[in-house]
């Protein structure tokens, strides 16, 4: 099973995430911790796990530039 890439972005006072692997999914929060909580909640609801967190990049391989956030 391939892990879903979740890309974390930070712009001024907002943290947001999207995924090149889950069409149309985004999440936004005022803090990184709150955003990571939303990502974890969404992964359970939408079912995209295991997933990996990628900081502001979209690598072609989940082994590069990403850290494992959750294993099924």
PDB file of N, CA and C in Angstrom:
ATOM      1  N   UNK A   1       0.847  -1.185   0.000  1.00  0.00           N
ATOM      2  CA  UNK A   1       0.000   0.000   0.000  1.00  0.00           C
ATOM      3  C   UNK A   1       0.890   1.245   0.000  1.00  0.00           C
ATOM      4  N   UNK A   2       0.630   2.138  -0.925  1.00  0.00           N
ATOM      5  CA  UNK A   2       1.378   3.396  -1.023  1.00  0.00           C
ATOM      6  C   UNK A   2       0.845   4.386   0.012  1.00  0.00           C
ATOM      7  N   UNK A   3       1.745   5.089   0.677  1.00  0.00           N
ATOM      8  CA  UNK A   3       1.328   6.116   1.636  1.00  0.00           C
ATOM      9  C   UNK A   3       0.828   7.347   0.895  1.00  0.00           C
ATOM     10  N   UNK A   4      -0.170   8.001   1.462  1.00  0.00           N
ATOM     11  CA  UNK A   4      -0.708   9.239   0.911  1.00  0.00           C
ATOM     12  C   UNK A   4       0.178  10.401   1.345  1.00  0.00           C
ATOM     13  N   UNK A   5       0.553  11.266   0.396  1.00  0.00           N
ATOM     14  CA  UNK A   5       1.366  12.435   0.708  1.00  0.00           C
ATOM     15  C   UNK A   5       0.464  13.586   1.139  1.00  0.00           C
ATOM     16  N   UNK A   6       0.762  14.174   2.284  1.00  0.00           N
ATOM     17  CA  UNK A   6       0.063  15.357   2.780  1.00  0.00           C
ATOM     18  C   UNK A   6       1.102  16.472   2.851  1.00  0.00           C
ATOM     19  N   UNK A   7       0.865  17.544   2.111  1.00  0.00           N
ATOM     20  CA  UNK A   7       1.830  18.634   2.021  1.00  0.00           C
ATOM     21  C   UNK A   7       1.392  19.774   2.930  1.00  0.00           C
ATOM     22  N   UNK A   8       2.288  20.166   3.841  1.00  0.00           N
ATOM     23  CA  UNK A   8       2.029  21.237   4.802  1.00  0.00           C
ATOM     24  C   UNK A   8       2.616  22.536   4.265  1.00  0.00           C
ATOM     25  N   UNK A   9       1.814  23.598   4.300  1.00  0.00           N
ATOM     26  CA  UNK A   9       2.248  24.922   3.844  1.00  0.00           C
ATOM     27  C   UNK A   9       2.059  25.920   4.982  1.00  0.00           C
ATOM     28  N   UNK A  10       2.939  26.912   5.052  1.00  0.00           N
ATOM     29  CA  UNK A  10       2.805  27.981   6.046  1.00  0.00           C
ATOM     30  C   UNK A  10       2.967  29.309   5.330  1.00  0.00           C
ATOM     31  N   UNK A  11       1.944  30.146   5.420  1.00  0.00           N
ATOM     32  CA  UNK A  11       1.961  31.469   4.806  1.00  0.00           C
ATOM     33  C   UNK A  11       1.444  32.478   5.814  1.00  0.00           C
ATOM     34  N   UNK A  12       2.290  33.400   6.203  1.00  0.00           N
ATOM     35  CA  UNK A  12       1.966  34.442   7.178  1.00  0.00           C
ATOM     36  C   UNK A  12       1.352  33.838   8.436  1.00  0.00           C
ATOM     37  N   UNK A  13       0.073  34.045   8.690  1.00  0.00           N
ATOM     38  CA  UNK A  13      -0.559  33.568   9.922  1.00  0.00           C
ATOM     39  C   UNK A  13      -1.381  32.297   9.735  1.00  0.00           C
ATOM     40  N   UNK A  14      -1.242  31.630   8.600  1.00  0.00           N
ATOM     41  CA  UNK A  14      -2.086  30.475   8.308  1.00  0.00           C
ATOM     42  C   UNK A  14      -1.252  29.250   7.958  1.00  0.00           C
ATOM     43  N   UNK A  15      -1.653  28.129   8.499  1.00  0.00           N
ATOM     44  CA  UNK A  15      -1.100  26.832   8.125  1.00  0.00           C
ATOM     45  C   UNK A  15      -2.171  26.111   7.319  1.00  0.00           C
ATOM     46  N   UNK A  16      -1.795  25.476   6.225  1.00  0.00           N
ATOM     47  CA  UNK A  16      -2.761  24.720   5.448  1.00  0.00           C
ATOM     48  C   UNK A  16      -2.100  23.492   4.844  1.00  0.00           C
ATOM     49  N   UNK A  17      -2.930  22.530   4.484  1.00  0.00           N
ATOM     50  CA  UNK A  17      -2.437  21.278   3.916  1.00  0.00           C
ATOM     51  C   UNK A  17      -3.312  20.866   2.746  1.00  0.00           C
ATOM     52  N   UNK A  18      -2.686  20.178   1.813  1.00  0.00           N
ATOM     53  CA  UNK A  18      -3.412  19.549   0.723  1.00  0.00           C
ATOM     54  C   UNK A  18      -2.686  18.257   0.388  1.00  0.00           C
ATOM     55  N   UNK A  19      -3.221  17.544  -0.571  1.00  0.00           N
ATOM     56  CA  UNK A  19      -2.601  16.284  -0.957  1.00  0.00           C
ATOM     57  C   UNK A  19      -2.724  16.089  -2.460  1.00  0.00           C
ATOM     58  N   UNK A  20      -1.600  15.817  -3.119  1.00  0.00           N
ATOM     59  CA  UNK A  20      -1.685  15.504  -4.544  1.00  0.00           C
ATOM     60  C   UNK A  20      -2.346  14.146  -4.794  1.00  0.00           C
ATOM     61  N   UNK A  21      -2.541  13.383  -3.730  1.00  0.00           N
ATOM     62  CA  UNK A  21      -3.106  12.041  -3.848  1.00  0.00           C
ATOM     63  C   UNK A  21      -4.593  11.953  -3.494  1.00  0.00           C
ATOM     64  N   UNK A  22      -5.162  13.027  -2.914  1.00  0.00           N
ATOM     65  CA  UNK A  22      -6.578  13.050  -2.522  1.00  0.00           C
ATOM     66  C   UNK A  22      -7.201  14.286  -3.171  1.00  0.00           C
ATOM     67  N   UNK A  23      -7.831  14.095  -4.298  1.00  0.00           N
ATOM     68  CA  UNK A  23      -8.369  15.196  -5.089  1.00  0.00           C
ATOM     69  C   UNK A  23      -9.362  16.049  -4.302  1.00  0.00           C
ATOM     70  N   UNK A  24      -9.117  17.364  -4.277  1.00  0.00           N
ATOM     71  CA  UNK A  24     -10.039  18.306  -3.659  1.00  0.00           C
ATOM     72  C   UNK A  24      -9.935  18.443  -2.154  1.00  0.00           C
ATOM     73  N   UNK A  25      -9.069  17.679  -1.501  1.00  0.00           N
ATOM     74  CA  UNK A  25      -8.969  17.749  -0.039  1.00  0.00           C
ATOM     75  C   UNK A  25      -8.002  18.843   0.386  1.00  0.00           C
ATOM     76  N   UNK A  26      -8.433  19.679   1.332  1.00  0.00           N
ATOM     77  CA  UNK A  26      -7.572  20.682   1.961  1.00  0.00           C
ATOM     78  C   UNK A  26      -7.986  20.816   3.422  1.00  0.00           C
ATOM     79  N   UNK A  27      -7.080  21.348   4.215  1.00  0.00           N
ATOM     80  CA  UNK A  27      -7.367  21.663   5.614  1.00  0.00           C
ATOM     81  C   UNK A  27      -6.586  22.916   5.956  1.00  0.00           C
ATOM     82  N   UNK A  28      -7.113  23.726   6.880  1.00  0.00           N
ATOM     83  CA  UNK A  28      -6.433  24.957   7.289  1.00  0.00           C
ATOM     84  C   UNK A  28      -6.642  25.185   8.776  1.00  0.00           C
ATOM     85  N   UNK A  29      -5.634  25.798   9.410  1.00  0.00           N
ATOM     86  CA  UNK A  29      -5.702  26.096  10.842  1.00  0.00           C
ATOM     87  C   UNK A  29      -4.746  27.242  11.154  1.00  0.00           C
ATOM     88  N   UNK A  30      -4.872  27.791  12.355  1.00  0.00           N
ATOM     89  CA  UNK A  30      -4.013  28.903  12.754  1.00  0.00           C
ATOM     90  C   UNK A  30      -2.658  28.444  13.272  1.00  0.00           C
ATOM     91  N   UNK A  31      -2.554  27.190  13.742  1.00  0.00           N
ATOM     92  CA  UNK A  31      -1.275  26.675  14.231  1.00  0.00           C
ATOM     93  C   UNK A  31      -0.956  25.349  13.550  1.00  0.00           C
ATOM     94  N   UNK A  32       0.323  25.010  13.543  1.00  0.00           N
ATOM     95  CA  UNK A  32       0.750  23.746  12.944  1.00  0.00           C
ATOM     96  C   UNK A  32       0.165  22.559  13.712  1.00  0.00           C
ATOM     97  N   UNK A  33       0.173  22.646  15.035  1.00  0.00           N
ATOM     98  CA  UNK A  33      -0.383  21.551  15.839  1.00  0.00           C
ATOM     99  C   UNK A  33      -1.862  21.326  15.547  1.00  0.00           C
ATOM    100  N   UNK A  34      -2.626  22.426  15.432  1.00  0.00           N
ATOM    101  CA  UNK A  34      -4.048  22.296  15.097  1.00  0.00           C
ATOM    102  C   UNK A  34      -4.225  21.683  13.709  1.00  0.00           C
ATOM    103  N   UNK A  35      -3.378  22.081  12.776  1.00  0.00           N
ATOM    104  CA  UNK A  35      -3.462  21.526  11.426  1.00  0.00           C
ATOM    105  C   UNK A  35      -3.162  20.027  11.433  1.00  0.00           C
ATOM    106  N   UNK A  36      -2.127  19.619  12.157  1.00  0.00           N
ATOM    107  CA  UNK A  36      -1.801  18.193  12.221  1.00  0.00           C
ATOM    108  C   UNK A  36      -2.937  17.387  12.844  1.00  0.00           C
ATOM    109  N   UNK A  37      -3.644  17.977  13.806  1.00  0.00           N
ATOM    110  CA  UNK A  37      -4.810  17.309  14.392  1.00  0.00           C
ATOM    111  C   UNK A  37      -5.915  17.148  13.345  1.00  0.00           C
ATOM    112  N   UNK A  38      -6.127  18.171  12.517  1.00  0.00           N
ATOM    113  CA  UNK A  38      -7.128  18.083  11.447  1.00  0.00           C
ATOM    114  C   UNK A  38      -6.743  17.024  10.417  1.00  0.00           C
ATOM    115  N   UNK A  39      -5.458  16.955  10.091  1.00  0.00           N
ATOM    116  CA  UNK A  39      -4.985  15.948   9.139  1.00  0.00           C
ATOM    117  C   UNK A  39      -5.247  14.544   9.689  1.00  0.00           C
ATOM    118  N   UNK A  40      -4.932  14.331  10.959  1.00  0.00           N
ATOM    119  CA  UNK A  40      -5.165  13.016  11.574  1.00  0.00           C
ATOM    120  C   UNK A  40      -6.650  12.667  11.572  1.00  0.00           C
ATOM    121  N   UNK A  41      -7.493  13.651  11.885  1.00  0.00           N
ATOM    122  CA  UNK A  41      -8.943  13.429  11.883  1.00  0.00           C
ATOM    123  C   UNK A  41      -9.435  13.096  10.478  1.00  0.00           C
ATOM    124  N   UNK A  42      -8.961  13.847   9.498  1.00  0.00           N
ATOM    125  CA  UNK A  42      -9.379  13.610   8.117  1.00  0.00           C
ATOM    126  C   UNK A  42      -8.904  12.252   7.621  1.00  0.00           C
ATOM    127  N   UNK A  43      -7.716  11.845   8.039  1.00  0.00           N
ATOM    128  CA  UNK A  43      -7.211  10.547   7.576  1.00  0.00           C
ATOM    129  C   UNK A  43      -8.109   9.412   8.048  1.00  0.00           C
ATOM    130  N   UNK A  44      -8.654   9.540   9.245  1.00  0.00           N
ATOM    131  CA  UNK A  44      -9.597   8.537   9.744  1.00  0.00           C
ATOM    132  C   UNK A  44     -10.918   8.594   8.985  1.00  0.00           C
ATOM    133  N   UNK A  45     -11.427   9.810   8.735  1.00  0.00           N
ATOM    134  CA  UNK A  45     -12.728  10.003   8.095  1.00  0.00           C
ATOM    135  C   UNK A  45     -12.679   9.645   6.611  1.00  0.00           C
ATOM    136  N   UNK A  46     -11.678  10.181   5.910  1.00  0.00           N
ATOM    137  CA  UNK A  46     -11.567   9.966   4.470  1.00  0.00           C
ATOM    138  C   UNK A  46     -10.908   8.623   4.165  1.00  0.00           C
ATOM    139  N   UNK A  47     -10.065   8.155   5.085  1.00  0.00           N
ATOM    140  CA  UNK A  47      -9.426   6.860   4.914  1.00  0.00           C
ATOM    141  C   UNK A  47      -8.117   6.895   4.154  1.00  0.00           C
ATOM    142  N   UNK A  48      -7.382   8.015   4.231  1.00  0.00           N
ATOM    143  CA  UNK A  48      -6.092   8.057   3.534  1.00  0.00           C
ATOM    144  C   UNK A  48      -4.939   7.795   4.502  1.00  0.00           C
ATOM    145  N   UNK A  49      -4.760   6.547   4.855  1.00  0.00           N
ATOM    146  CA  UNK A  49      -3.628   6.159   5.685  1.00  0.00           C
ATOM    147  C   UNK A  49      -3.114   4.809   5.209  1.00  0.00           C
ATOM    148  N   UNK A  50      -1.840   4.553   5.413  1.00  0.00           N
ATOM    149  CA  UNK A  50      -0.913   5.446   6.107  1.00  0.00           C
ATOM    150  C   UNK A  50      -0.667   6.712   5.292  1.00  0.00           C
ATOM    151  N   UNK A  51      -0.283   7.773   5.988  1.00  0.00           N
ATOM    152  CA  UNK A  51       0.050   9.003   5.284  1.00  0.00           C
ATOM    153  C   UNK A  51       1.385   9.525   5.771  1.00  0.00           C
ATOM    154  N   UNK A  52       1.981  10.392   4.954  1.00  0.00           N
ATOM    155  CA  UNK A  52       3.247  11.011   5.311  1.00  0.00           C
ATOM    156  C   UNK A  52       3.106  12.518   5.204  1.00  0.00           C
ATOM    157  N   UNK A  53       3.815  13.226   6.074  1.00  0.00           N
ATOM    158  CA  UNK A  53       3.806  14.685   6.074  1.00  0.00           C
ATOM    159  C   UNK A  53       4.995  15.180   5.270  1.00  0.00           C
ATOM    160  N   UNK A  54       4.735  16.065   4.319  1.00  0.00           N
ATOM    161  CA  UNK A  54       5.772  16.680   3.498  1.00  0.00           C
ATOM    162  C   UNK A  54       5.725  18.182   3.749  1.00  0.00           C
ATOM    163  N   UNK A  55       6.835  18.759   4.147  1.00  0.00           N
ATOM    164  CA  UNK A  55       6.867  20.181   4.490  1.00  0.00           C
ATOM    165  C   UNK A  55       7.063  21.056   3.256  1.00  0.00           C
ATOM    166  N   UNK A  56       5.963  21.551   2.694  1.00  0.00           N
ATOM    167  CA  UNK A  56       6.005  22.528   1.615  1.00  0.00           C
ATOM    168  C   UNK A  56       6.570  22.038   0.296  1.00  0.00           C
ATOM    169  N   UNK A  57       6.676  20.728   0.119  1.00  0.00           N
ATOM    170  CA  UNK A  57       7.197  20.163  -1.115  1.00  0.00           C
ATOM    171  C   UNK A  57       6.316  18.994  -1.528  1.00  0.00           C
ATOM    172  N   UNK A  58       6.420  18.614  -2.761  1.00  0.00           N
ATOM    173  CA  UNK A  58       5.691  17.439  -3.231  1.00  0.00           C
ATOM    174  C   UNK A  58       6.696  16.520  -3.913  1.00  0.00           C
ATOM    175  N   UNK A  59       7.369  15.681  -3.140  1.00  0.00           N
ATOM    176  CA  UNK A  59       8.349  14.778  -3.745  1.00  0.00           C
ATOM    177  C   UNK A  59       7.665  13.670  -4.528  1.00  0.00           C
ATOM    178  N   UNK A  60       8.357  13.147  -5.510  1.00  0.00           N
ATOM    179  CA  UNK A  60       7.795  12.031  -6.265  1.00  0.00           C
ATOM    180  C   UNK A  60       7.868  10.734  -5.469  1.00  0.00           C
ATOM    181  N   UNK A  61       8.756  10.689  -4.499  1.00  0.00           N
ATOM    182  CA  UNK A  61       8.894   9.517  -3.639  1.00  0.00           C
ATOM    183  C   UNK A  61       8.637   9.923  -2.201  1.00  0.00           C
ATOM    184  N   UNK A  62       7.859   9.139  -1.468  1.00  0.00           N
ATOM    185  CA  UNK A  62       7.558   9.493  -0.084  1.00  0.00           C
ATOM    186  C   UNK A  62       8.762   9.328   0.825  1.00  0.00           C
ATOM    187  N   UNK A  63       9.830   8.705   0.338  1.00  0.00           N
ATOM    188  CA  UNK A  63      11.023   8.562   1.161  1.00  0.00           C
ATOM    189  C   UNK A  63      11.860   9.841   1.181  1.00  0.00           C
ATOM    190  N   UNK A  64      11.601  10.772   0.281  1.00  0.00           N
ATOM    191  CA  UNK A  64      12.410  11.983   0.171  1.00  0.00           C
ATOM    192  C   UNK A  64      11.623  13.169   0.707  1.00  0.00           C
ATOM    193  N   UNK A  65      12.118  13.816   1.758  1.00  0.00           N
ATOM    194  CA  UNK A  65      11.525  15.044   2.263  1.00  0.00           C
ATOM    195  C   UNK A  65      10.253  14.888   3.069  1.00  0.00           C
ATOM    196  N   UNK A  66       9.915  13.684   3.460  1.00  0.00           N
ATOM    197  CA  UNK A  66       8.679  13.452   4.193  1.00  0.00           C
ATOM    198  C   UNK A  66       8.970  12.633   5.441  1.00  0.00           C
ATOM    199  N   UNK A  67       8.092  12.754   6.415  1.00  0.00           N
ATOM    200  CA  UNK A  67       8.209  11.925   7.609  1.00  0.00           C
ATOM    201  C   UNK A  67       6.908  11.160   7.813  1.00  0.00           C
ATOM    202  N   UNK A  68       7.022   9.935   8.254  1.00  0.00           N
ATOM    203  CA  UNK A  68       5.828   9.117   8.463  1.00  0.00           C
ATOM    204  C   UNK A  68       5.051   9.676   9.641  1.00  0.00           C
ATOM    205  N   UNK A  69       3.782   9.961   9.426  1.00  0.00           N
ATOM    206  CA  UNK A  69       2.939  10.536  10.465  1.00  0.00           C
ATOM    207  C   UNK A  69       2.052   9.485  11.111  1.00  0.00           C
ATOM    208  N   UNK A  70       1.707   8.452  10.367  1.00  0.00           N
ATOM    209  CA  UNK A  70       0.806   7.446  10.925  1.00  0.00           C
ATOM    210  C   UNK A  70       0.922   6.165  10.124  1.00  0.00           C
ATOM    211  N   UNK A  71       0.926   5.100  10.796  1.00  0.00           N
ATOM    212  CA  UNK A  71       0.899   3.804  10.122  1.00  0.00           C
ATOM    213  C   UNK A  71      -0.419   3.116  10.442  1.00  0.00           C
ATOM    214  N   UNK A  72      -0.975   2.455   9.467  1.00  0.00           N
ATOM    215  CA  UNK A  72      -2.257   1.774   9.664  1.00  0.00           C
ATOM    216  C   UNK A  72      -2.086   0.555  10.532  1.00  0.00           C
TER     217      UNK A  72
END
